[in-house]
Protein backbone atom coordinates (compact mmCIF):
# COMPACT_ATOMS: atom_id res chain seq x y z
CA MET A 1 40.73 19.76 -173.82
CA LYS A 2 42.23 18.67 -170.36
CA ASN A 3 40.80 21.59 -168.28
CA PHE A 4 37.31 20.82 -169.84
CA ILE A 5 37.50 17.26 -168.85
CA LEU A 6 38.62 17.98 -165.38
CA VAL A 7 35.99 20.14 -164.55
CA LEU A 8 33.51 18.25 -166.37
CA LEU A 9 34.32 15.00 -164.21
CA SER A 10 34.48 17.25 -161.06
CA GLY A 11 31.40 18.64 -162.34
CA LEU A 12 29.85 15.32 -162.67
CA LEU A 13 30.93 14.24 -159.16
CA PHE A 14 29.66 17.13 -157.58
CA GLY A 15 26.13 17.21 -158.90
CA LEU A 16 25.35 13.33 -158.88
CA SER A 17 26.64 13.62 -155.02
CA PHE A 18 23.04 15.21 -154.48
CA ILE A 19 21.06 13.48 -156.44
CA ASP A 20 18.99 10.82 -154.39
CA ILE A 21 20.43 7.99 -156.17
CA GLY A 22 22.94 6.50 -153.35
CA LEU A 23 26.05 8.49 -154.82
CA GLY A 24 26.25 10.70 -151.95
CA PHE A 25 29.74 9.55 -151.18
CA LEU A 26 31.18 11.06 -154.48
CA CYS A 27 31.66 14.39 -152.61
CA PHE A 28 34.67 12.89 -151.09
CA PHE A 29 36.00 12.42 -154.51
CA ALA A 30 34.58 15.71 -156.56
CA PHE A 31 36.87 18.23 -155.96
CA VAL A 32 40.55 16.46 -156.52
CA PRO A 33 39.68 16.90 -160.71
CA TYR A 34 39.28 20.64 -160.36
CA LEU A 35 41.90 20.97 -157.97
CA TYR A 36 44.12 19.41 -160.78
CA PHE A 37 42.63 21.92 -163.03
CA ILE A 38 43.09 25.37 -160.66
CA ILE A 39 46.24 24.72 -159.78
CA LYS A 40 47.70 25.26 -163.27
CA ALA A 41 44.82 27.56 -164.80
CA THR A 42 45.60 31.06 -166.43
CA PRO A 43 42.90 33.60 -165.16
CA LYS A 44 40.91 33.41 -168.43
CA GLN A 45 41.13 29.96 -167.86
CA ALA A 46 39.89 29.62 -164.22
CA PHE A 47 37.10 31.95 -165.31
CA LEU A 48 35.76 30.25 -168.52
CA PHE A 49 36.15 26.41 -166.86
CA GLY A 50 34.88 27.77 -164.01
CA PHE A 51 31.60 29.10 -165.44
CA LEU A 52 31.73 25.59 -166.85
CA PHE A 53 31.89 23.88 -163.94
CA GLY A 54 29.15 25.46 -162.33
CA LEU A 55 26.83 24.89 -165.33
CA PHE A 56 27.60 21.23 -165.42
CA VAL A 57 26.49 21.28 -161.62
CA THR A 58 23.60 23.70 -161.91
CA LEU A 59 22.06 21.29 -164.92
CA ILE A 60 22.58 18.26 -163.32
CA THR A 61 21.02 19.55 -160.05
CA LEU A 62 18.76 22.54 -160.29
CA TYR A 63 17.46 21.94 -163.86
CA GLY A 64 13.92 21.39 -162.51
CA VAL A 65 13.66 25.11 -161.63
CA PHE A 66 12.69 25.17 -165.08
CA ASN A 67 9.12 24.01 -164.51
CA VAL A 68 9.17 27.06 -161.35
CA LYS A 69 9.55 30.08 -163.53
CA LEU A 70 11.60 30.70 -166.84
CA ILE A 71 13.15 33.83 -165.27
CA ALA A 72 14.07 31.65 -162.46
CA PHE A 73 15.77 29.00 -164.47
CA ILE A 74 17.31 31.46 -166.63
CA GLY A 75 18.89 33.60 -163.70
CA LEU A 76 20.10 30.42 -162.29
CA ILE A 77 22.09 29.05 -164.95
CA ILE A 78 23.53 32.43 -165.50
CA ALA A 79 23.97 33.51 -161.78
CA PHE A 80 25.29 30.02 -160.65
CA PRO A 81 27.96 29.27 -162.80
CA LEU A 82 29.13 32.88 -162.65
CA TYR A 83 29.50 32.52 -158.51
CA PHE A 84 31.83 29.34 -159.63
CA ALA A 85 33.67 31.18 -162.16
CA ILE A 86 34.03 34.12 -159.71
CA LEU A 87 35.13 31.71 -156.81
CA SER A 88 37.90 30.00 -159.47
CA VAL A 89 39.44 32.99 -160.35
CA PHE A 90 39.86 34.14 -156.60
CA LEU A 91 40.87 30.38 -156.25
CA ARG A 92 43.75 30.94 -158.51
CA LYS A 93 44.89 34.32 -157.71
CA VAL A 94 45.08 32.89 -154.08
CA ASN A 95 47.49 29.95 -155.47
CA GLU A 96 49.53 32.09 -157.26
CA SER A 97 50.49 34.50 -154.15
CA PHE A 98 50.18 31.71 -151.72
CA SER A 99 51.33 28.64 -153.57
CA LYS A 100 53.02 26.55 -150.32
CA ILE A 101 49.60 27.09 -148.01
CA PHE A 102 47.22 26.85 -150.93
CA LEU A 103 45.70 23.49 -150.34
CA TRP A 104 44.63 24.39 -146.75
CA ILE A 105 43.59 27.55 -147.46
CA PHE A 106 41.49 25.99 -150.29
CA PRO A 107 38.72 24.08 -148.22
CA LEU A 108 38.29 27.60 -145.87
CA ILE A 109 37.77 29.80 -149.08
CA TRP A 110 35.14 27.63 -150.45
CA VAL A 111 33.05 27.28 -147.24
CA GLY A 112 33.55 31.32 -147.10
CA PHE A 113 31.66 31.38 -150.10
CA GLU A 114 29.34 28.94 -149.44
CA TYR A 115 28.31 31.61 -146.57
CA VAL A 116 28.39 34.74 -149.03
CA MET A 117 25.68 32.71 -151.27
CA THR A 118 23.07 33.19 -148.10
CA LEU A 119 23.67 36.77 -147.85
CA GLY A 120 21.88 39.55 -150.07
CA SER A 121 18.91 38.98 -151.98
CA LEU A 122 20.55 36.68 -154.73
CA ASN A 123 20.72 33.93 -151.58
CA PHE A 124 20.49 30.66 -153.00
CA PRO A 125 22.38 27.82 -150.19
CA TRP A 126 20.93 25.06 -151.96
CA LEU A 127 24.40 23.33 -153.35
CA ASN A 128 26.27 23.46 -150.12
CA VAL A 129 28.83 20.47 -150.22
CA GLY A 130 27.63 19.19 -146.67
CA TYR A 131 24.10 18.77 -147.88
CA SER A 132 25.60 15.67 -149.76
CA LEU A 133 25.82 13.87 -146.76
CA SER A 134 22.20 14.07 -145.59
CA LYS A 135 21.64 10.29 -145.75
CA TYR A 136 24.91 9.37 -143.70
CA TYR A 137 23.00 9.31 -140.13
CA LEU A 138 26.57 8.88 -138.23
CA LEU A 139 28.62 11.38 -140.57
CA VAL A 140 25.55 14.31 -140.18
CA GLN A 141 25.68 14.24 -136.33
CA ALA A 142 28.54 16.11 -136.14
CA ALA A 143 26.41 19.19 -137.36
CA ASP A 144 25.09 19.64 -134.17
CA ILE A 145 28.57 21.28 -133.12
CA LEU A 146 29.69 22.66 -136.74
CA GLY A 147 26.40 22.66 -138.67
CA ILE A 148 26.39 22.32 -142.42
CA TYR A 149 29.24 24.76 -142.98
CA GLY A 150 31.41 22.50 -140.89
CA LEU A 151 30.47 19.45 -142.74
CA SER A 152 31.11 20.91 -145.93
CA LEU A 153 34.75 22.04 -144.52
CA LEU A 154 35.43 18.32 -143.61
CA VAL A 155 34.61 16.70 -146.94
CA ILE A 156 36.89 19.25 -148.63
CA ILE A 157 39.50 18.67 -146.69
CA ILE A 158 39.37 14.97 -147.41
CA ASN A 159 39.56 15.95 -151.24
CA VAL A 160 42.27 18.23 -150.30
CA LEU A 161 44.27 14.87 -148.49
CA LEU A 162 43.31 12.43 -151.18
CA PHE A 163 44.53 15.14 -154.05
CA LYS A 164 48.11 15.63 -151.87
CA ALA A 165 48.03 11.07 -151.43
CA LEU A 166 47.84 11.05 -155.19
CA THR A 167 50.56 13.35 -156.06
CA GLY A 168 52.64 11.60 -153.92
CA LYS A 169 52.13 12.04 -150.58
CA SER A 170 50.52 8.32 -149.59
CA LYS A 171 51.10 9.13 -145.74
CA GLN A 172 47.88 11.43 -146.13
CA LEU A 173 45.83 8.39 -146.49
CA LEU A 174 46.39 7.44 -142.76
CA VAL A 175 44.95 11.23 -142.12
CA ILE A 176 41.94 10.50 -144.06
CA LEU A 177 41.52 7.43 -142.10
CA ILE A 178 41.93 8.88 -138.99
CA ILE A 179 39.36 11.83 -139.73
CA PHE A 180 36.96 9.32 -140.68
CA VAL A 181 37.33 7.19 -137.41
CA LEU A 182 36.86 10.25 -135.27
CA TRP A 183 34.01 11.47 -137.23
CA ILE A 184 32.24 8.13 -137.45
CA GLY A 185 32.70 7.81 -133.85
CA TYR A 186 31.18 11.05 -132.78
CA GLY A 187 28.35 10.03 -134.65
CA ILE A 188 28.16 6.52 -132.56
CA TYR A 189 28.04 8.58 -129.44
CA ARG A 190 25.78 11.08 -130.20
CA ASP A 191 23.33 7.87 -131.42
CA LYS A 192 23.65 6.64 -127.92
CA THR A 193 23.61 9.81 -125.81
CA ILE A 194 20.96 11.66 -127.14
CA LYS A 195 17.54 10.62 -125.24
CA LEU A 196 14.03 11.10 -126.64
CA LYS A 197 10.74 11.14 -124.84
CA SER A 198 7.25 11.45 -126.31
CA SER A 199 5.25 14.34 -125.79
CA ASP A 200 1.40 14.29 -125.34
CA LEU A 201 0.97 15.53 -128.78
CA LYS A 202 -0.31 13.96 -132.09
CA ILE A 203 0.80 15.31 -135.06
CA GLY A 204 -1.10 15.11 -138.88
CA ILE A 205 0.40 16.22 -141.78
CA VAL A 206 -2.04 16.72 -145.16
CA GLN A 207 -0.26 16.17 -148.19
CA LEU A 208 -3.34 16.62 -150.88
CA ASN A 209 -1.18 16.59 -153.60
CA VAL A 210 -2.70 19.37 -155.97
CA MET A 211 -0.85 19.87 -159.02
CA GLN A 212 0.49 23.20 -159.85
CA GLU A 213 -1.29 23.65 -163.07
CA ASP A 214 -4.74 23.24 -161.02
CA LYS A 215 -3.74 24.83 -157.66
CA TRP A 216 -4.62 28.32 -158.90
CA LYS A 217 -7.69 27.64 -161.14
CA PRO A 218 -10.95 29.91 -159.36
CA ASP A 219 -13.06 27.00 -160.03
CA ASN A 220 -10.96 24.74 -158.01
CA LEU A 221 -10.58 27.16 -154.86
CA VAL A 222 -14.11 25.87 -153.22
CA PRO A 223 -13.04 22.06 -154.04
CA THR A 224 -9.53 22.49 -152.52
CA ILE A 225 -11.27 24.07 -149.55
CA ASP A 226 -13.82 21.47 -149.22
CA GLU A 227 -11.22 18.54 -149.79
CA TYR A 228 -8.79 20.07 -146.93
CA GLU A 229 -11.79 20.26 -144.44
CA ASN A 230 -12.41 16.42 -145.22
CA GLN A 231 -8.90 15.55 -144.31
CA VAL A 232 -8.60 17.50 -141.10
CA ARG A 233 -11.81 15.96 -140.20
CA ILE A 234 -10.69 12.27 -140.74
CA LEU A 235 -7.01 13.36 -138.94
CA ALA A 236 -9.08 14.86 -136.05
CA GLN A 237 -11.81 12.34 -135.73
CA VAL A 238 -10.70 9.12 -136.80
CA ASN A 239 -6.82 9.65 -136.05
CA ASP A 240 -7.35 11.58 -132.92
CA VAL A 241 -4.31 14.13 -133.94
CA ASP A 242 -4.05 17.42 -131.68
CA VAL A 243 -2.50 19.03 -134.39
CA VAL A 244 -2.54 19.43 -138.29
CA ILE A 245 -0.05 20.76 -140.55
CA LEU A 246 -0.97 21.94 -144.19
CA PRO A 247 1.22 22.90 -146.69
CA GLU A 248 2.40 26.39 -147.98
CA SER A 249 -0.63 28.05 -149.95
CA ALA A 250 -2.73 25.29 -148.76
CA ILE A 251 -5.87 27.80 -149.23
CA PRO A 252 -5.04 29.38 -152.49
CA THR A 253 -6.64 32.94 -151.86
CA TYR A 254 -6.58 36.18 -149.43
CA ILE A 255 -7.92 34.45 -147.01
CA LEU A 256 -7.77 36.99 -143.89
CA HIS A 257 -9.32 39.66 -146.63
CA GLU A 258 -11.96 37.07 -147.27
CA PRO A 259 -14.52 36.42 -144.36
CA LYS A 260 -16.05 33.53 -146.30
CA TYR A 261 -13.37 31.61 -146.58
CA ARG A 262 -11.49 32.84 -143.73
CA LYS A 263 -14.53 31.10 -141.51
CA ARG A 264 -13.89 27.77 -143.23
CA LEU A 265 -10.24 27.82 -142.00
CA GLN A 266 -11.14 28.82 -138.52
CA ASN A 267 -13.71 26.01 -138.62
CA TYR A 268 -11.13 23.64 -139.48
CA ALA A 269 -9.67 23.96 -136.18
CA LEU A 270 -12.73 25.13 -133.81
CA GLU A 271 -15.13 22.10 -134.85
CA ASN A 272 -12.56 19.75 -134.49
CA LYS A 273 -11.03 21.39 -131.10
CA ILE A 274 -7.47 20.93 -133.36
CA TYR A 275 -4.43 23.34 -133.66
CA VAL A 276 -4.30 23.89 -137.41
CA LEU A 277 -0.95 25.36 -139.26
CA ALA A 278 -1.72 26.30 -142.48
CA GLY A 279 -0.07 28.51 -145.41
CA PHE A 280 -1.90 31.02 -147.89
CA PRO A 281 -1.01 34.22 -149.54
CA ASP A 282 -1.61 37.70 -148.18
CA TYR A 283 -1.35 41.41 -148.76
CA ALA A 284 -1.03 44.49 -146.87
CA VAL A 285 -2.07 48.22 -148.28
CA GLU A 286 -0.23 51.27 -147.37
CA MET A 287 -1.14 54.95 -149.00
CA VAL A 288 2.15 55.99 -151.17
CA LYS A 289 1.32 59.62 -152.49
CA ASN A 290 -1.87 59.11 -152.05
CA ARG A 291 -1.97 56.22 -154.30
CA PRO A 292 -2.69 52.80 -152.56
CA LYS A 293 0.37 50.53 -152.83
CA TYR A 294 -0.12 46.63 -152.45
CA LYS A 295 2.42 44.37 -150.42
CA PHE A 296 2.20 40.75 -151.07
CA TYR A 297 3.56 38.18 -148.93
CA ASN A 298 3.52 34.57 -148.58
CA SER A 299 2.62 33.85 -145.36
CA ALA A 300 1.04 31.13 -142.77
CA THR A 301 -0.17 30.96 -139.27
CA MET A 302 -1.82 28.97 -136.45
CA ILE A 303 -5.67 28.83 -135.80
CA ASP A 304 -6.03 27.36 -132.17
CA THR A 305 -8.85 25.26 -131.16
CA ALA A 306 -10.61 28.40 -130.47
CA GLY A 307 -10.43 29.27 -133.48
CA ILE A 308 -8.40 32.17 -133.03
CA PHE A 309 -5.82 33.04 -135.89
CA HIS A 310 -2.48 34.24 -133.91
CA GLU A 311 0.35 36.28 -135.53
CA LYS A 312 1.14 35.56 -138.95
CA TYR A 313 4.38 34.76 -140.11
CA ASN A 314 5.69 36.38 -143.70
CA LYS A 315 8.50 34.39 -145.39
CA ILE A 316 11.57 36.00 -144.93
CA ARG A 317 13.83 34.12 -147.39
CA LEU A 318 12.31 34.49 -150.83
CA VAL A 319 13.23 32.73 -153.77
CA PRO A 320 15.49 35.23 -156.09
CA PHE A 321 14.07 35.57 -159.44
CA GLY A 322 10.85 33.17 -158.66
CA GLU A 323 9.48 35.22 -155.37
CA ARG A 324 11.29 38.37 -155.98
CA ILE A 325 13.36 40.43 -158.71
CA PRO A 326 17.12 40.51 -156.36
CA LEU A 327 18.17 43.87 -155.87
CA LEU A 328 14.72 45.13 -156.03
CA SER A 329 14.74 47.44 -152.84
CA THR A 330 18.25 48.52 -154.28
CA PHE A 331 16.77 49.54 -157.88
CA PRO A 332 13.03 50.16 -157.37
CA ILE A 333 12.85 50.55 -161.03
CA LEU A 334 13.28 46.68 -161.90
CA GLU A 335 9.71 46.10 -160.48
CA LYS A 336 8.51 47.50 -163.70
CA LEU A 337 10.24 44.24 -165.12
CA GLN A 338 7.86 41.44 -165.12
CA PHE A 339 8.67 37.97 -165.95
CA GLY A 340 6.08 36.06 -164.21
CA GLN A 341 7.52 36.47 -160.84
CA ALA A 342 5.66 37.35 -157.58
CA ASN A 343 7.55 40.47 -156.01
CA PHE A 344 7.00 39.34 -152.18
CA GLU A 345 8.12 41.45 -149.70
CA PHE A 346 10.08 40.35 -146.98
CA GLY A 347 8.97 39.25 -143.46
CA THR A 348 10.55 40.44 -140.58
CA THR A 349 9.32 38.89 -137.64
CA TYR A 350 9.64 35.48 -135.72
CA PRO A 351 6.87 34.22 -133.88
CA LEU A 352 6.30 31.05 -132.10
CA TYR A 353 3.01 29.13 -131.59
CA LYS A 354 2.28 27.79 -128.38
CA ILE A 355 0.50 24.05 -128.31
CA ASP A 356 0.60 22.74 -124.76
CA ASP A 357 3.71 23.03 -123.39
CA LEU A 358 5.87 23.20 -126.53
CA ASN A 359 6.42 26.26 -128.90
CA PHE A 360 6.23 25.74 -132.59
CA SER A 361 7.73 27.77 -135.59
CA LEU A 362 7.32 28.29 -138.99
CA MET A 363 9.44 28.59 -142.17
CA ILE A 364 8.32 28.25 -145.60
CA CYS A 365 9.72 26.66 -148.83
CA PHE A 366 13.27 27.11 -149.35
CA GLU A 367 13.71 28.59 -146.19
CA GLY A 368 14.11 25.34 -144.68
CA VAL A 369 17.84 25.08 -146.63
CA PHE A 370 19.08 28.10 -144.58
CA PRO A 371 20.82 27.18 -141.20
CA GLU A 372 20.86 30.57 -139.50
CA LEU A 373 16.49 30.74 -139.34
CA SER A 374 16.31 27.12 -137.61
CA ARG A 375 19.27 28.22 -135.00
CA LYS A 376 17.33 31.76 -134.62
CA TYR A 377 14.33 30.11 -133.77
CA ALA A 378 15.94 26.98 -131.48
CA LYS A 379 17.73 30.14 -129.52
CA ILE A 380 14.47 32.20 -129.29
CA GLY A 381 12.77 28.93 -127.60
CA SER A 382 11.49 26.70 -130.62
CA ASN A 383 10.81 23.34 -129.37
CA VAL A 384 9.59 22.14 -132.74
CA LEU A 385 10.55 23.04 -136.21
CA VAL A 386 7.81 23.29 -138.97
CA VAL A 387 8.65 23.57 -142.25
CA ILE A 388 5.63 23.99 -145.53
CA THR A 389 6.11 23.95 -148.72
CA ASN A 390 4.36 23.70 -152.22
CA ASP A 391 7.31 21.41 -154.23
CA ALA A 392 4.57 20.98 -156.98
CA TRP A 393 6.35 23.28 -159.13
CA PHE A 394 9.38 20.83 -159.87
CA LYS A 395 6.86 17.90 -161.05
CA GLN A 396 8.85 14.60 -161.86
CA THR A 397 12.79 16.06 -161.15
CA VAL A 398 15.22 15.71 -158.44
CA LEU A 399 14.38 19.06 -156.87
CA PRO A 400 11.51 17.65 -154.23
CA HIS A 401 14.28 14.86 -152.93
CA GLU A 402 17.09 17.32 -153.00
CA HIS A 403 15.10 19.92 -151.04
CA ALA A 404 13.67 17.22 -148.72
CA ASN A 405 17.29 15.99 -148.16
CA ASN A 406 18.69 19.32 -147.25
CA THR A 407 16.21 20.47 -145.14
CA LYS A 408 16.29 17.56 -142.51
CA ILE A 409 19.77 18.53 -141.66
CA ARG A 410 18.16 21.47 -139.70
CA ALA A 411 16.66 18.72 -137.02
CA VAL A 412 20.37 17.78 -136.21
CA GLU A 413 22.10 21.24 -135.92
CA THR A 414 19.24 21.94 -133.76
CA ARG A 415 18.37 18.64 -132.02
CA LEU A 416 14.78 19.77 -132.35
CA PRO A 417 12.34 17.48 -134.06
CA LEU A 418 11.43 19.11 -137.68
CA ILE A 419 7.92 18.23 -139.47
CA ARG A 420 7.87 19.06 -143.09
CA ALA A 421 4.10 19.68 -144.51
CA ALA A 422 4.54 19.45 -148.61
CA ASN A 423 1.82 19.88 -151.07
CA THR A 424 3.08 16.78 -153.47
CA GLY A 425 5.53 15.46 -151.03
CA ILE A 426 7.92 14.85 -149.80
CA SER A 427 5.83 15.20 -146.05
CA TYR A 428 7.96 13.97 -143.00
CA ILE A 429 8.49 13.83 -139.49
CA ILE A 430 12.40 14.02 -138.54
CA ASN A 431 13.29 13.31 -134.47
CA PRO A 432 16.15 15.16 -132.72
CA LYS A 433 18.65 12.51 -133.53
CA GLY A 434 18.04 13.17 -137.61
CA GLN A 435 15.82 9.92 -138.07
CA THR A 436 13.07 9.80 -139.95
CA VAL A 437 10.25 8.71 -138.16
CA ILE A 438 7.81 8.93 -140.82
CA LYS A 439 7.75 9.95 -144.87
CA THR A 440 5.49 10.22 -148.11
CA ASP A 441 6.81 9.42 -151.11
CA VAL A 442 6.10 12.36 -153.90
CA TYR A 443 3.24 12.82 -155.90
CA GLU A 444 0.31 10.63 -153.74
CA LYS A 445 -2.48 12.02 -152.08
CA ILE A 446 -1.78 11.01 -147.95
CA ASN A 447 -2.28 12.24 -144.70
CA ILE A 448 0.44 10.57 -141.96
CA THR A 449 0.26 10.96 -138.65
CA SER A 450 3.00 10.33 -135.37
CA THR A 451 3.29 11.28 -131.89
CA LEU A 452 5.90 13.87 -131.56
CA LYS A 453 9.36 13.17 -129.39
CA VAL A 454 11.66 15.90 -128.46
CA LYS A 455 14.90 15.76 -126.65
CA GLU A 456 14.73 14.88 -123.16
CA SER A 457 17.61 17.62 -121.97
CA ASN A 458 16.87 20.89 -123.19
CA ARG A 459 20.27 21.81 -123.26
CA LYS A 460 20.67 23.73 -126.55
CA THR A 461 23.64 21.93 -129.25
CA VAL A 462 27.18 23.97 -129.65
CA PHE A 463 26.04 25.20 -133.48
CA VAL A 464 22.87 26.58 -131.55
CA ASN A 465 24.83 28.85 -128.90
CA PHE A 466 28.03 29.43 -131.02
CA GLY A 467 26.57 29.30 -134.27
CA TYR A 468 28.96 29.04 -137.84
CA LEU A 469 31.20 31.76 -136.63
CA PHE A 470 34.35 30.10 -138.66
CA ALA A 471 32.41 30.32 -141.70
CA PRO A 472 31.95 34.13 -142.35
CA LEU A 473 35.67 34.38 -140.60
CA CYS A 474 36.45 32.17 -143.74
């Protein structure tokens, strides 16, 4: 019963720190009960209660995935707790072998496992500890050096120091104070020293608020295209914007293969003399053993003021179970399993879209929680990060807020402006300091506009230049 209470308390603190209710500070205490548990756990206890810890966290933070796909939810409530169970068994073994230094190894191992969650087809780094700090402006400034994994490391180190203080080593409280002084001090320094300048581009975002149950109905296709056309015209002719961003799968049909709908999207840009970035599904056909094989993609592109479609971006990071069955490439027979998932193909290219003197880059949906994607774009010359997403799947749950909060860290890591266009919200523009310039609420039909601001200096951040090498090394 004691172990159950400890992991329940730890899971509650950890889970609640992610929910957008102002309790992010709980992350600094969340691992203290867990440490009490893991230090004395047997192998069986480590696995069982590690699984329960993961289950508590998953149910608190990710219950909304049930609305996406049942198979995705089932996969999560098995895979995520199993991940924490394996991690707990490993931590217990490390403690058994290196008990004298275990508490100092613990943060490194945890961050190392966070990095592992970005690898392979089961990748899902939604619950990196550092994301719980997304609302703490001064604390997240360190991400331009350390990245999200560095923020996680600092949080877990403070948990360890607090645990040591509670077990009789009160001097650790002074160390915690010193860390916070330096950490907040760096945040104040970056806030004062980063200078922004206005670009010549005015950005418009269309949040049409199309419900998921209506989005793919054939009878709604033309009305949806008509309404986007109307909103784009308003932004261009009334609000005088230069660039309009439409969400993921804004046009819910294979427009590149349907000339009349392709022409409609082309005219959004051509008739209004603006640039349009928009998402849509796409497919390619290849012959396999003299039979056509269809490959489907979650895609987006830019249409310029002359109506020209630029290179298509295909989503690189696919949602496990929701967009693709994990390990499908290794075990093709899994393709025969159909639970309502899409089984999209992975994208492989990183196109940049030139608008005036700025390069825009696109990410789709939960790609915004992968720091290596935005870092890659920043390294190859992106000046503006754009994330388009649907999020109608999540309905009235905590997930739209978690998703938006996690994504905004990318602006601080790269010191690039970040534009997020979400079908049902939350849409926003974040400046290179990580400040919200303009933002929508969930489930409102609205357009927002703002003149884009960029950093005066072109110098890349430490994170962009050197990445998060310590996380893989962990």
